[in-house]
């Protein structure tokens, strides 16, 4: 007794067979893509900022200089890198989604086979 809903759980009495469906992504939500890539790139920026911070502290220690200068540079990297990466990722995600939507109107989108 299937109602035609592909997402419903099949009855135990029915045989469960894997079926393939092809779906097409015809349009992306622009803000969703921007936010997703903004957060992803902010996390990458946090990792890169942490590495820059360690390198700044290591450079100051190797030169025997003032540790406060390395600390300020390191904290600046941890704060500014995620901010710049996040904003850049958001802008890139918005532009990428807009370009995808434009191209999908001509080509038809990307097809996926789901099983």
N, C-alpha and C. Protein backbone atom coordinates (compact mmCIF):
# COMPACT_ATOMS: atom_id res chain seq x y z
N UNK A 1 0.83 -1.18 0.00
CA UNK A 1 0.00 0.00 0.00
C UNK A 1 0.87 1.24 0.00
N UNK A 2 1.44 1.54 -1.09
CA UNK A 2 2.28 2.72 -1.18
C UNK A 2 1.45 3.90 -1.64
N UNK A 3 1.63 5.01 -0.97
CA UNK A 3 0.90 6.22 -1.33
C UNK A 3 1.66 7.05 -2.35
N UNK A 4 2.79 6.56 -2.81
CA UNK A 4 3.58 7.30 -3.77
C UNK A 4 4.61 8.21 -3.13
N UNK A 5 4.70 8.22 -1.81
CA UNK A 5 5.67 9.05 -1.12
C UNK A 5 6.99 8.30 -1.08
N UNK A 6 8.04 8.80 -1.73
CA UNK A 6 9.31 8.07 -1.76
C UNK A 6 10.05 8.08 -0.44
N UNK A 7 9.61 8.90 0.52
CA UNK A 7 10.32 9.02 1.78
C UNK A 7 9.68 8.21 2.92
N UNK A 8 8.54 7.57 2.66
CA UNK A 8 7.90 6.83 3.74
C UNK A 8 8.60 5.50 3.97
N UNK A 9 8.49 5.00 5.18
CA UNK A 9 9.09 3.73 5.54
C UNK A 9 8.26 2.60 4.94
N UNK A 10 8.90 1.66 4.24
CA UNK A 10 8.13 0.57 3.63
C UNK A 10 7.61 -0.38 4.69
N UNK A 11 6.50 -1.06 4.37
CA UNK A 11 5.95 -2.08 5.26
C UNK A 11 6.88 -3.27 5.30
N UNK A 12 6.81 -4.03 6.40
CA UNK A 12 7.67 -5.21 6.54
C UNK A 12 7.30 -6.26 5.51
N UNK A 13 6.02 -6.33 5.16
CA UNK A 13 5.58 -7.34 4.21
C UNK A 13 6.09 -7.05 2.79
N UNK A 14 6.37 -5.80 2.49
CA UNK A 14 6.85 -5.46 1.17
C UNK A 14 8.33 -5.80 1.06
N UNK A 15 8.72 -6.20 -0.10
CA UNK A 15 10.15 -6.46 -0.29
C UNK A 15 10.85 -5.13 -0.49
N UNK A 16 11.95 -4.97 0.20
CA UNK A 16 12.70 -3.73 0.12
C UNK A 16 13.79 -3.91 -0.93
N UNK A 17 13.66 -3.19 -2.01
CA UNK A 17 14.67 -3.23 -3.06
C UNK A 17 15.25 -1.84 -3.21
N UNK A 18 16.51 -1.78 -3.55
CA UNK A 18 17.12 -0.48 -3.75
C UNK A 18 16.72 0.03 -5.13
N UNK A 19 16.21 1.22 -5.14
CA UNK A 19 15.82 1.85 -6.39
C UNK A 19 16.66 3.09 -6.58
N UNK A 20 16.90 3.41 -7.80
CA UNK A 20 17.68 4.61 -8.10
C UNK A 20 16.75 5.68 -8.63
N UNK A 21 17.00 6.87 -8.16
CA UNK A 21 16.28 8.02 -8.66
C UNK A 21 17.28 9.07 -9.07
N UNK A 22 16.97 9.79 -10.10
CA UNK A 22 17.82 10.89 -10.51
C UNK A 22 17.12 12.18 -10.15
N UNK A 23 17.81 13.00 -9.38
CA UNK A 23 17.28 14.31 -9.02
C UNK A 23 18.20 15.38 -9.60
N UNK A 24 17.65 16.53 -9.87
CA UNK A 24 18.42 17.62 -10.46
C UNK A 24 18.36 18.83 -9.53
N UNK A 25 19.53 19.37 -9.21
CA UNK A 25 19.61 20.61 -8.44
C UNK A 25 19.52 21.74 -9.45
N UNK A 26 18.37 22.40 -9.47
CA UNK A 26 18.14 23.45 -10.46
C UNK A 26 18.42 24.84 -9.91
N UNK A 27 18.38 25.00 -8.59
CA UNK A 27 18.58 26.32 -8.02
C UNK A 27 19.14 26.16 -6.61
N UNK A 28 20.05 27.04 -6.24
CA UNK A 28 20.62 27.07 -4.90
C UNK A 28 20.12 28.32 -4.18
N UNK A 29 19.86 28.19 -2.89
CA UNK A 29 19.51 29.36 -2.09
C UNK A 29 20.78 30.17 -1.85
N UNK A 30 20.78 31.41 -2.31
CA UNK A 30 21.98 32.23 -2.30
C UNK A 30 22.46 32.51 -0.87
N UNK A 31 21.56 32.91 0.02
CA UNK A 31 21.97 33.22 1.39
C UNK A 31 22.42 31.98 2.15
N UNK A 32 21.78 30.85 1.88
CA UNK A 32 22.18 29.61 2.53
C UNK A 32 23.62 29.25 2.15
N UNK A 33 23.94 29.36 0.88
CA UNK A 33 25.31 29.07 0.43
C UNK A 33 26.30 30.06 1.02
N UNK A 34 25.92 31.34 1.06
CA UNK A 34 26.80 32.36 1.63
C UNK A 34 27.09 32.11 3.10
N UNK A 35 26.06 31.81 3.86
CA UNK A 35 26.23 31.57 5.30
C UNK A 35 27.06 30.31 5.54
N UNK A 36 26.75 29.25 4.79
CA UNK A 36 27.48 27.99 4.98
C UNK A 36 28.97 28.17 4.70
N UNK A 37 29.29 28.79 3.57
CA UNK A 37 30.70 28.98 3.24
C UNK A 37 31.36 30.01 4.15
N UNK A 38 30.60 31.00 4.60
CA UNK A 38 31.15 31.97 5.55
C UNK A 38 31.58 31.31 6.85
N UNK A 39 30.75 30.43 7.38
CA UNK A 39 31.08 29.72 8.62
C UNK A 39 32.24 28.76 8.40
N UNK A 40 32.21 28.04 7.27
CA UNK A 40 33.28 27.09 6.97
C UNK A 40 34.63 27.81 6.85
N UNK A 41 34.65 28.91 6.13
CA UNK A 41 35.89 29.63 5.95
C UNK A 41 36.34 30.33 7.23
N UNK A 42 35.41 30.74 8.08
CA UNK A 42 35.78 31.31 9.38
C UNK A 42 36.48 30.26 10.23
N UNK A 43 36.02 29.01 10.20
CA UNK A 43 36.69 27.95 10.94
C UNK A 43 38.08 27.68 10.37
N UNK A 44 38.20 27.71 9.05
CA UNK A 44 39.52 27.56 8.43
C UNK A 44 40.41 28.73 8.83
N UNK A 45 39.86 29.94 8.86
CA UNK A 45 40.62 31.11 9.28
C UNK A 45 41.08 31.01 10.72
N UNK A 46 40.28 30.38 11.57
CA UNK A 46 40.69 30.18 12.96
C UNK A 46 41.91 29.26 13.04
N UNK A 47 41.90 28.20 12.24
CA UNK A 47 43.07 27.30 12.20
C UNK A 47 44.30 28.02 11.65
N UNK A 48 44.12 28.76 10.58
CA UNK A 48 45.25 29.48 9.98
C UNK A 48 45.75 30.55 10.95
N UNK A 49 44.82 31.25 11.61
CA UNK A 49 45.22 32.26 12.60
C UNK A 49 45.99 31.65 13.76
N UNK A 50 45.59 30.46 14.19
CA UNK A 50 46.33 29.77 15.25
C UNK A 50 47.74 29.41 14.82
N UNK A 51 47.88 28.95 13.57
CA UNK A 51 49.21 28.64 13.05
C UNK A 51 50.07 29.90 12.95
N UNK A 52 49.48 31.01 12.48
CA UNK A 52 50.21 32.27 12.41
C UNK A 52 50.63 32.73 13.80
N UNK A 53 49.76 32.53 14.78
CA UNK A 53 50.07 32.91 16.15
C UNK A 53 51.26 32.12 16.69
N UNK A 54 51.24 30.80 16.43
CA UNK A 54 52.38 29.99 16.87
C UNK A 54 53.66 30.39 16.17
N UNK A 55 53.58 30.69 14.88
CA UNK A 55 54.78 31.11 14.15
C UNK A 55 55.29 32.46 14.66
N UNK A 56 54.38 33.37 15.00
CA UNK A 56 54.79 34.67 15.52
C UNK A 56 55.49 34.52 16.86
N UNK A 57 54.93 33.68 17.73
CA UNK A 57 55.57 33.47 19.03
C UNK A 57 56.90 32.75 18.88
N UNK A 58 56.95 31.78 17.96
CA UNK A 58 58.21 31.07 17.72
C UNK A 58 59.28 31.99 17.14
N UNK A 59 58.89 32.88 16.26
CA UNK A 59 59.84 33.83 15.67
C UNK A 59 60.40 34.79 16.69
N UNK A 60 59.55 35.26 17.58
CA UNK A 60 60.01 36.18 18.63
C UNK A 60 60.93 35.45 19.59
N UNK A 61 60.60 34.20 19.92
CA UNK A 61 61.43 33.43 20.84
C UNK A 61 62.79 33.11 20.21
N UNK A 62 62.79 32.84 18.91
CA UNK A 62 64.05 32.50 18.23
C UNK A 62 64.97 33.71 18.14
N UNK A 63 64.39 34.89 18.01
CA UNK A 63 65.20 36.10 17.89
C UNK A 63 65.52 36.71 19.25
N UNK A 64 64.91 36.19 20.28
CA UNK A 64 65.16 36.72 21.62
C UNK A 64 64.56 38.10 21.81
N UNK A 65 63.51 38.41 21.07
CA UNK A 65 62.89 39.73 21.14
C UNK A 65 61.83 39.82 22.20
N UNK A 66 61.05 40.85 22.09
CA UNK A 66 59.99 41.11 23.05
C UNK A 66 58.83 40.16 22.80
N UNK A 67 58.48 39.39 23.80
CA UNK A 67 57.40 38.42 23.67
C UNK A 67 56.05 39.10 23.52
N UNK A 68 55.92 40.32 24.02
CA UNK A 68 54.64 41.02 23.93
C UNK A 68 54.30 41.34 22.47
N UNK A 69 55.29 41.66 21.66
CA UNK A 69 55.04 41.95 20.25
C UNK A 69 54.53 40.70 19.53
N UNK A 70 55.12 39.56 19.82
CA UNK A 70 54.66 38.31 19.23
C UNK A 70 53.27 37.93 19.71
N UNK A 71 52.98 38.21 20.97
CA UNK A 71 51.67 37.91 21.53
C UNK A 71 50.59 38.78 20.88
N UNK A 72 50.89 40.07 20.71
CA UNK A 72 49.93 40.98 20.07
C UNK A 72 49.69 40.56 18.62
N UNK A 73 50.76 40.21 17.91
CA UNK A 73 50.60 39.75 16.53
C UNK A 73 49.83 38.45 16.46
N UNK A 74 50.07 37.55 17.39
CA UNK A 74 49.36 36.27 17.41
C UNK A 74 47.88 36.42 17.72
N UNK A 75 47.57 37.28 18.70
CA UNK A 75 46.16 37.52 19.03
C UNK A 75 45.46 38.22 17.87
N UNK A 76 46.15 39.13 17.23
CA UNK A 76 45.59 39.79 16.05
C UNK A 76 45.27 38.80 14.95
N UNK A 77 46.16 37.83 14.75
CA UNK A 77 45.93 36.82 13.73
C UNK A 77 44.74 35.93 14.08
N UNK A 78 44.60 35.58 15.36
CA UNK A 78 43.49 34.72 15.77
C UNK A 78 42.15 35.45 15.64
N UNK A 79 42.15 36.76 15.80
CA UNK A 79 40.90 37.52 15.68
C UNK A 79 40.63 37.92 14.24
N UNK A 80 41.64 38.40 13.53
CA UNK A 80 41.41 38.95 12.19
C UNK A 80 41.28 37.88 11.11
N UNK A 81 42.03 36.81 11.20
CA UNK A 81 41.98 35.78 10.15
C UNK A 81 40.58 35.16 10.02
N UNK A 82 39.94 34.72 11.10
CA UNK A 82 38.58 34.18 10.93
C UNK A 82 37.60 35.22 10.39
N UNK A 83 37.79 36.47 10.81
CA UNK A 83 36.90 37.53 10.32
C UNK A 83 37.06 37.72 8.81
N UNK A 84 38.29 37.87 8.35
CA UNK A 84 38.53 38.07 6.92
C UNK A 84 38.16 36.83 6.11
N UNK A 85 38.52 35.66 6.59
CA UNK A 85 38.18 34.43 5.89
C UNK A 85 36.66 34.25 5.84
N UNK A 86 35.97 34.52 6.94
CA UNK A 86 34.52 34.37 6.98
C UNK A 86 33.80 35.31 6.02
N UNK A 87 34.22 36.57 6.00
CA UNK A 87 33.61 37.53 5.08
C UNK A 87 33.91 37.13 3.63
N UNK A 88 35.14 36.73 3.37
CA UNK A 88 35.50 36.29 2.02
C UNK A 88 34.73 35.04 1.61
N UNK A 89 34.55 34.10 2.53
CA UNK A 89 33.78 32.90 2.23
C UNK A 89 32.31 33.20 1.97
N UNK A 90 31.74 34.14 2.74
CA UNK A 90 30.36 34.53 2.53
C UNK A 90 30.17 35.16 1.15
N UNK A 91 31.05 36.09 0.81
CA UNK A 91 30.96 36.75 -0.50
C UNK A 91 31.17 35.73 -1.62
N UNK A 92 32.15 34.84 -1.46
CA UNK A 92 32.39 33.81 -2.46
C UNK A 92 31.22 32.85 -2.60
N UNK A 93 30.57 32.50 -1.48
CA UNK A 93 29.41 31.62 -1.53
C UNK A 93 28.23 32.25 -2.23
N UNK A 94 28.01 33.54 -1.98
CA UNK A 94 26.91 34.25 -2.63
C UNK A 94 27.17 34.36 -4.13
N UNK A 95 28.39 34.74 -4.50
CA UNK A 95 28.72 34.86 -5.93
C UNK A 95 28.65 33.50 -6.61
N UNK A 96 29.16 32.47 -5.95
CA UNK A 96 29.12 31.13 -6.53
C UNK A 96 27.69 30.63 -6.73
N UNK A 97 26.80 30.88 -5.75
CA UNK A 97 25.41 30.45 -5.88
C UNK A 97 24.70 31.22 -6.99
N UNK A 98 24.98 32.52 -7.10
CA UNK A 98 24.38 33.32 -8.17
C UNK A 98 24.84 32.82 -9.54
N UNK A 99 26.13 32.52 -9.66
CA UNK A 99 26.63 32.00 -10.93
C UNK A 99 26.06 30.62 -11.24
N UNK A 100 25.93 29.78 -10.22
CA UNK A 100 25.32 28.46 -10.44
C UNK A 100 23.88 28.62 -10.92
N UNK A 101 23.11 29.48 -10.26
CA UNK A 101 21.72 29.68 -10.66
C UNK A 101 21.62 30.21 -12.09
N UNK A 102 22.53 31.08 -12.46
CA UNK A 102 22.54 31.62 -13.82
C UNK A 102 22.85 30.51 -14.83
N UNK A 103 23.87 29.72 -14.55
CA UNK A 103 24.25 28.65 -15.47
C UNK A 103 23.20 27.55 -15.51
N UNK A 104 22.55 27.27 -14.37
CA UNK A 104 21.55 26.21 -14.33
C UNK A 104 20.33 26.54 -15.16
N UNK A 105 20.05 27.83 -15.36
CA UNK A 105 18.92 28.19 -16.22
C UNK A 105 19.19 27.79 -17.67
N UNK A 106 20.45 27.80 -18.07
CA UNK A 106 20.78 27.44 -19.45
C UNK A 106 21.04 25.94 -19.60
N UNK A 107 21.72 25.35 -18.64
CA UNK A 107 22.15 23.95 -18.75
C UNK A 107 21.14 22.99 -18.13
N UNK A 108 20.45 23.42 -17.10
CA UNK A 108 19.46 22.56 -16.47
C UNK A 108 19.85 22.10 -15.07
N UNK A 109 21.07 22.32 -14.64
CA UNK A 109 21.47 21.95 -13.29
C UNK A 109 22.34 20.70 -13.26
N UNK A 110 22.66 20.29 -12.05
CA UNK A 110 23.49 19.10 -11.82
C UNK A 110 22.57 17.94 -11.46
N UNK A 111 22.79 16.81 -12.11
CA UNK A 111 21.98 15.62 -11.84
C UNK A 111 22.70 14.72 -10.85
N UNK A 112 21.93 14.17 -9.89
CA UNK A 112 22.44 13.23 -8.91
C UNK A 112 21.63 11.95 -9.00
N UNK A 113 22.32 10.83 -8.88
CA UNK A 113 21.64 9.54 -8.77
C UNK A 113 21.58 9.19 -7.30
N UNK A 114 20.38 9.06 -6.77
CA UNK A 114 20.18 8.69 -5.37
C UNK A 114 19.70 7.26 -5.30
N UNK A 115 20.16 6.57 -4.30
CA UNK A 115 19.79 5.16 -4.16
C UNK A 115 19.14 4.95 -2.81
